[in-house]
Amino acid sequence: MAKWHCDVCGYVHEGDAPPEQCPVCGADRNRFAPQDDPAENGPEETATSTDAPAADRPNWQCSVCGTTRTGEVAPSPCPVCGAESTLFTQVADAPSGETAAPPAVEGTAGDQARWQCVICGYIHTGPEPPEKCPVCGADRSKFVLLEEPETDSPAETDAASEAEALPDDTTIATSFLDPYRRWIDLAIALHAHPIAVHIPNGVLPVTVVMVLLAAIFDWPLIGQASVYNMGFVFLSMPVVLFTGYLHWQYKFGGNMTDLFKWKIICGGIVIGLSFILFMWGLFSPESARNPGFLFLALHVILLTVAGIAGWLGGKLVFRA
């Protein structure tokens, strides 16, 4: 069976023909090239191949997200963050699809063992796992030793590593939601929680600015409008919390690590404060038209807590 190599992200597809679209980065099938199997070619044939091996092709690193791709030209756009090709710079050898790593430290093979957190997918390199996962806060008992493949090509190894980086704890479920598992899996695959989070997170900063403007420049109409914005934030929070719960239970196994504990606390504070401020402005319009110190302070606290929750969620998305 033939192997086809995506020159954008390094994914390797096995089949008689390349896929219509790369399942990893979405590249079109014309970005796939046949990959020769070194075991089938003799030394002379391999050495005289017209296609330059992956190791001889230049590596390009995105200056925005740090991901590295191997190819004759820089990808456009970046398959990870969407940056244009002009933001890529050519770097020294690095595995395709991974951020360029620092030079290896001299030592035994055990010193370079790779440990993976089974909750968030973070990979640690060292003789033993860390005391605590720097991404999700899980303790060292949640790390497993990854075995290095012996015969896979660099591109195939890299694609497999990226697939392994995502946890697959989909067997853990809450009983009353089991009948809806098909829809839950679809919601997770379509990133329902990140989409839901961005809606109130986009409105909340505008709301806080409106309250500040009402207080500084004595704009009562702007202050009153901020109340309705806060009501929108409060009404959207149940969707945010529910989709977050689904992701936590079905993608991350419902593990109560430090990261998830603080995300739950932040979510509770946001929905609680947004409700208080919405009711306050609704039943006491003068407080919104002429905001006092406490009214302003609660808005700033609410925005800060929402920002912390977003930062914690970003740690799961942009893992080290």
Protein backbone atom coordinates (compact mmCIF):
# COMPACT_ATOMS: atom_id res chain seq x y z
CA MET A 1 0.00 0.00 0.00
CA ALA A 2 1.38 3.41 -0.98
CA LYS A 3 2.19 6.15 1.51
CA TRP A 4 1.42 9.82 0.81
CA HIS A 5 3.17 12.63 2.70
CA CYS A 6 1.55 16.04 3.31
CA ASP A 7 4.24 18.66 2.66
CA VAL A 8 2.43 21.18 4.88
CA CYS A 9 2.10 19.38 8.23
CA GLY A 10 3.94 16.07 7.73
CA TYR A 11 0.88 13.83 8.04
CA VAL A 12 1.32 10.43 6.33
CA HIS A 13 -1.65 8.76 4.63
CA GLU A 14 -1.69 5.11 3.56
CA GLY A 15 -3.78 4.16 0.55
CA ASP A 16 -3.86 3.82 -3.21
CA ALA A 17 -4.42 7.58 -3.61
CA PRO A 18 -3.96 10.66 -1.41
CA PRO A 19 -6.98 11.91 0.57
CA GLU A 20 -9.11 14.75 -0.78
CA GLN A 21 -8.06 16.84 2.20
CA CYS A 22 -5.42 16.43 4.91
CA PRO A 23 -7.25 15.49 8.15
CA VAL A 24 -4.62 17.33 10.23
CA CYS A 25 -4.08 20.71 8.55
CA GLY A 26 -6.79 20.74 5.84
CA ALA A 27 -4.37 20.98 2.92
CA ASP A 28 -5.70 19.98 -0.52
CA ARG A 29 -4.74 16.61 -2.03
CA ASN A 30 -2.29 18.29 -4.43
CA ARG A 31 -0.05 19.02 -1.40
CA PHE A 32 0.50 15.25 -0.95
CA ALA A 33 3.51 13.55 -2.50
CA PRO A 34 4.27 9.82 -2.66
CA GLN A 35 6.64 8.70 0.07
CA ASP A 36 9.14 6.02 -0.78
CA ASP A 37 9.62 3.17 1.66
CA PRO A 38 13.37 2.93 2.42
CA ALA A 39 13.01 -0.80 3.09
CA GLU A 40 11.94 -1.43 -0.52
CA ASN A 41 14.79 0.51 -2.11
CA GLY A 42 18.41 -0.49 -2.22
CA PRO A 43 21.14 1.81 -0.91
CA GLU A 44 22.06 3.05 -4.38
CA GLU A 45 18.48 3.65 -5.43
CA THR A 46 17.74 5.56 -2.22
CA ALA A 47 20.82 7.70 -2.56
CA THR A 48 20.09 8.64 -6.16
CA SER A 49 16.42 9.42 -5.70
CA THR A 50 15.37 12.62 -7.48
CA ASP A 51 13.28 13.70 -4.50
CA ALA A 52 15.30 15.32 -1.73
CA PRO A 53 14.80 13.53 1.60
CA ALA A 54 12.88 15.35 4.32
CA ALA A 55 16.09 15.85 6.30
CA ASP A 56 17.63 17.82 3.37
CA ARG A 57 14.68 20.11 2.89
CA PRO A 58 14.60 23.48 4.68
CA ASN A 59 12.65 23.95 7.90
CA TRP A 60 10.39 26.97 8.40
CA GLN A 61 9.31 28.28 11.80
CA CYS A 62 6.24 30.45 12.34
CA SER A 63 7.18 33.58 14.30
CA VAL A 64 3.64 33.76 15.73
CA CYS A 65 2.99 30.31 17.25
CA GLY A 66 6.44 28.67 16.92
CA THR A 67 5.33 25.64 14.91
CA THR A 68 7.87 24.30 12.41
CA ARG A 69 7.19 22.82 8.97
CA THR A 70 9.51 21.12 6.48
CA GLY A 71 9.24 21.89 2.77
CA GLU A 72 10.74 23.71 -0.18
CA VAL A 73 8.70 26.81 0.69
CA ALA A 74 7.00 28.10 3.83
CA PRO A 75 3.34 27.03 4.19
CA SER A 76 0.67 29.60 3.48
CA PRO A 77 -1.12 29.99 5.78
CA CYS A 78 0.30 28.45 8.97
CA PRO A 79 -1.77 25.28 9.60
CA VAL A 80 -1.76 25.98 13.36
CA CYS A 81 -2.39 29.72 13.84
CA GLY A 82 -3.22 30.89 10.29
CA ALA A 83 -0.28 33.29 9.94
CA GLU A 84 0.78 34.11 6.37
CA SER A 85 3.94 32.68 4.85
CA THR A 86 5.87 35.95 5.22
CA LEU A 87 5.87 35.40 8.99
CA PHE A 88 7.90 32.19 8.62
CA THR A 89 11.69 32.19 8.95
CA GLN A 90 14.06 29.43 7.90
CA VAL A 91 15.60 27.60 10.87
CA ALA A 92 17.99 24.74 11.53
CA ASP A 93 16.82 21.13 11.42
CA ALA A 94 13.70 20.47 13.51
CA PRO A 95 11.05 17.78 13.23
CA SER A 96 8.18 18.77 10.94
CA GLY A 97 5.13 20.04 12.79
CA GLU A 98 6.88 20.68 16.11
CA THR A 99 8.38 23.76 17.69
CA ALA A 100 12.16 23.82 17.36
CA ALA A 101 13.58 22.23 20.49
CA PRO A 102 16.76 23.34 22.30
CA PRO A 103 19.95 21.35 21.68
CA ALA A 104 19.93 17.91 23.28
CA VAL A 105 21.77 17.61 26.57
CA GLU A 106 24.52 15.05 26.65
CA GLY A 107 23.63 11.98 28.64
CA THR A 108 22.15 8.54 28.38
CA ALA A 109 19.06 7.67 26.37
CA GLY A 110 17.11 7.56 29.64
CA ASP A 111 17.85 11.27 30.17
CA GLN A 112 15.85 12.02 27.01
CA ALA A 113 12.81 9.85 27.80
CA ARG A 114 9.45 11.32 26.84
CA TRP A 115 6.57 11.38 29.32
CA GLN A 116 3.02 12.26 28.32
CA CYS A 117 0.30 13.64 30.57
CA VAL A 118 -2.78 11.47 29.95
CA ILE A 119 -5.09 14.36 30.82
CA CYS A 120 -3.99 17.25 28.61
CA GLY A 121 -1.41 15.62 26.30
CA TYR A 122 1.60 17.67 27.45
CA ILE A 123 4.90 15.89 26.70
CA HIS A 124 7.85 16.22 29.08
CA THR A 125 11.41 15.16 28.19
CA GLY A 126 13.67 13.94 30.96
CA PRO A 127 14.75 10.92 33.00
CA GLU A 128 11.48 11.02 34.99
CA PRO A 129 8.12 12.80 34.82
CA PRO A 130 7.70 16.22 36.48
CA GLU A 131 6.14 16.50 39.93
CA LYS A 132 3.22 18.39 38.38
CA CYS A 133 2.08 18.97 34.80
CA PRO A 134 2.89 22.60 33.90
CA VAL A 135 -0.22 22.77 31.71
CA CYS A 136 -3.12 21.23 33.64
CA GLY A 137 -1.59 20.71 37.10
CA ALA A 138 -1.96 16.91 37.16
CA ASP A 139 0.47 15.09 39.47
CA ARG A 140 3.26 12.84 38.18
CA SER A 141 1.13 9.71 38.49
CA LYS A 142 -0.82 10.91 35.43
CA PHE A 143 2.27 10.69 33.18
CA VAL A 144 3.05 7.65 31.03
CA LEU A 145 6.30 6.80 29.29
CA LEU A 146 6.15 7.12 25.50
CA GLU A 147 8.06 4.52 23.53
CA GLU A 148 10.12 5.84 20.65
CA PRO A 149 9.25 4.17 17.31
CA GLU A 150 12.22 2.41 15.72
CA THR A 151 11.46 2.25 12.01
CA ASP A 152 9.03 5.06 11.23
CA SER A 153 10.17 7.90 9.02
CA PRO A 154 10.56 11.36 10.66
CA ALA A 155 7.37 12.66 9.03
CA GLU A 156 5.34 9.62 10.05
CA THR A 157 6.74 9.71 13.58
CA ASP A 158 5.89 13.38 13.83
CA ALA A 159 2.31 12.91 12.66
CA ALA A 160 1.85 10.08 15.15
CA SER A 161 3.26 12.23 17.97
CA GLU A 162 0.79 15.01 17.21
CA ALA A 163 -2.07 12.51 17.25
CA GLU A 164 -0.88 11.09 20.58
CA ALA A 165 -0.72 14.58 22.08
CA LEU A 166 -4.49 14.75 22.27
CA PRO A 167 -6.02 12.71 25.10
CA ASP A 168 -8.69 10.16 24.33
CA ASP A 169 -10.64 9.82 27.55
CA THR A 170 -13.95 9.52 25.75
CA THR A 171 -14.93 6.41 27.66
CA ILE A 172 -15.63 8.42 30.80
CA ALA A 173 -19.18 9.71 30.72
CA THR A 174 -21.93 10.98 32.93
CA SER A 175 -24.78 8.48 32.90
CA PHE A 176 -27.66 10.88 32.27
CA LEU A 177 -25.89 12.28 29.18
CA ASP A 178 -24.99 8.92 27.63
CA PRO A 179 -28.02 8.84 25.27
CA TYR A 180 -26.76 12.08 23.73
CA ARG A 181 -23.20 10.89 23.25
CA ARG A 182 -23.31 11.30 19.48
CA TRP A 183 -24.16 14.98 19.80
CA ILE A 184 -21.65 15.50 22.59
CA ASP A 185 -18.83 14.07 20.45
CA LEU A 186 -19.91 16.35 17.61
CA ALA A 187 -19.92 19.39 19.91
CA ILE A 188 -16.40 18.58 21.09
CA ALA A 189 -15.15 17.95 17.55
CA LEU A 190 -16.54 21.34 16.44
CA HIS A 191 -15.00 23.13 19.47
CA ALA A 192 -18.34 24.18 20.95
CA HIS A 193 -16.83 25.42 24.22
CA PRO A 194 -14.17 27.74 22.72
CA ILE A 195 -16.80 29.18 20.38
CA ALA A 196 -19.27 29.73 23.24
CA VAL A 197 -16.58 31.33 25.42
CA HIS A 198 -15.63 33.92 22.80
CA ILE A 199 -19.16 35.35 22.69
CA PRO A 200 -19.39 36.77 26.26
CA ASN A 201 -15.63 37.41 26.31
CA GLY A 202 -16.07 39.74 23.34
CA VAL A 203 -18.99 41.62 24.90
CA LEU A 204 -17.63 41.90 28.45
CA PRO A 205 -14.68 44.26 27.74
CA VAL A 206 -17.00 46.56 25.78
CA THR A 207 -19.43 46.56 28.72
CA VAL A 208 -16.71 47.55 31.18
CA VAL A 209 -15.50 50.34 28.88
CA MET A 210 -19.08 51.66 28.60
CA VAL A 211 -19.40 51.76 32.40
CA LEU A 212 -16.10 53.63 32.67
CA LEU A 213 -17.21 56.14 30.03
CA ALA A 214 -20.50 56.69 31.86
CA ALA A 215 -18.61 57.39 35.09
CA ILE A 216 -15.90 59.62 33.61
CA PHE A 217 -17.89 61.66 31.11
CA ASP A 218 -21.34 61.51 32.75
CA TRP A 219 -23.01 59.66 29.86
CA PRO A 220 -26.14 58.14 31.41
CA LEU A 221 -27.34 56.52 28.15
CA ILE A 222 -24.03 54.68 27.73
CA GLY A 223 -24.30 53.46 31.32
CA GLN A 224 -27.83 52.23 30.74
CA ALA A 225 -26.78 50.41 27.56
CA SER A 226 -24.05 48.63 29.51
CA VAL A 227 -26.76 47.02 31.67
CA TYR A 228 -28.26 45.26 28.67
CA ASN A 229 -24.81 44.14 27.57
CA MET A 230 -24.26 42.66 31.02
CA GLY A 231 -27.58 40.87 30.72
CA PHE A 232 -26.37 39.31 27.47
CA VAL A 233 -23.17 38.15 29.19
CA PHE A 234 -25.18 36.55 32.01
CA LEU A 235 -27.62 34.81 29.64
CA SER A 236 -24.78 33.37 27.55
CA MET A 237 -22.90 31.93 30.55
CA PRO A 238 -25.07 28.79 30.98
CA VAL A 239 -24.08 27.73 27.45
CA VAL A 240 -20.42 28.43 28.25
CA LEU A 241 -20.52 26.40 31.47
CA PHE A 242 -22.44 23.50 29.94
CA THR A 243 -20.13 23.13 26.93
CA GLY A 244 -17.15 23.49 29.26
CA TYR A 245 -18.53 20.71 31.42
CA LEU A 246 -18.89 18.45 28.36
CA HIS A 247 -15.30 19.11 27.29
CA TRP A 248 -14.03 18.51 30.82
CA GLN A 249 -15.92 15.24 31.28
CA TYR A 250 -15.64 13.69 27.83
CA LYS A 251 -12.31 15.01 26.56
CA PHE A 252 -10.30 15.32 29.77
CA GLY A 253 -11.91 12.53 31.78
CA GLY A 254 -13.41 14.79 34.45
CA ASN A 255 -10.06 14.98 36.27
CA MET A 256 -10.09 17.68 38.97
CA THR A 257 -6.59 19.09 38.51
CA ASP A 258 -5.56 22.60 39.57
CA LEU A 259 -6.28 24.01 36.14
CA PHE A 260 -9.82 22.66 35.95
CA LYS A 261 -10.50 23.58 39.58
CA TRP A 262 -9.63 27.23 38.93
CA LYS A 263 -11.51 27.30 35.64
CA ILE A 264 -14.66 26.10 37.46
CA ILE A 265 -14.15 28.69 40.20
CA CYS A 266 -13.68 31.46 37.63
CA GLY A 267 -16.78 30.34 35.73
CA GLY A 268 -18.84 30.45 38.92
CA ILE A 269 -17.58 33.95 39.75
CA VAL A 270 -18.32 35.24 36.26
CA ILE A 271 -21.91 33.97 36.17
CA GLY A 272 -22.51 35.16 39.74
CA LEU A 273 -21.09 38.67 39.28
CA SER A 274 -22.74 39.14 35.89
CA PHE A 275 -26.11 38.27 37.46
CA ILE A 276 -25.57 40.67 40.39
CA LEU A 277 -24.50 43.55 38.13
CA PHE A 278 -27.33 42.92 35.66
CA MET A 279 -29.95 42.93 38.43
CA TRP A 280 -28.31 45.93 40.10
CA GLY A 281 -28.42 48.00 36.92
CA LEU A 282 -31.90 46.77 36.01
CA PHE A 283 -33.58 47.61 39.32
CA SER A 284 -31.42 50.62 40.15
CA PRO A 285 -30.95 52.46 36.81
CA GLU A 286 -29.28 55.40 38.54
CA SER A 287 -26.37 53.17 39.54
CA ALA A 288 -25.68 52.45 35.88
CA ARG A 289 -26.23 56.04 34.70
CA ASN A 290 -23.94 57.41 37.38
CA PRO A 291 -21.72 54.48 38.45
CA GLY A 292 -20.18 54.57 41.89
CA PHE A 293 -16.88 53.07 43.01
CA LEU A 294 -18.28 49.69 44.05
CA PHE A 295 -20.24 49.32 40.81
CA LEU A 296 -17.09 50.10 38.80
CA ALA A 297 -14.88 47.84 40.93
CA LEU A 298 -17.15 44.83 40.46
CA HIS A 299 -17.04 45.31 36.68
CA VAL A 300 -13.24 45.40 36.71
CA ILE A 301 -13.09 42.29 38.94
CA LEU A 302 -15.47 40.48 36.61
CA LEU A 303 -13.34 41.30 33.58
CA THR A 304 -10.17 40.20 35.40
CA VAL A 305 -11.65 36.84 36.42
CA ALA A 306 -12.90 36.22 32.87
CA GLY A 307 -9.39 36.98 31.59
CA ILE A 308 -7.85 34.49 34.02
CA ALA A 309 -10.30 31.80 32.87
CA GLY A 310 -9.34 32.51 29.26
CA TRP A 311 -5.64 32.28 30.09
CA LEU A 312 -6.15 28.90 31.77
CA GLY A 313 -8.07 27.65 28.75
CA GLY A 314 -5.29 28.88 26.49
CA LYS A 315 -2.81 26.68 28.36
CA LEU A 316 -4.77 23.64 27.21
CA VAL A 317 -4.89 24.82 23.60
CA PHE A 318 -1.33 26.13 23.22
CA ARG A 319 0.50 23.41 25.08
CA ALA A 320 4.24 23.63 25.58
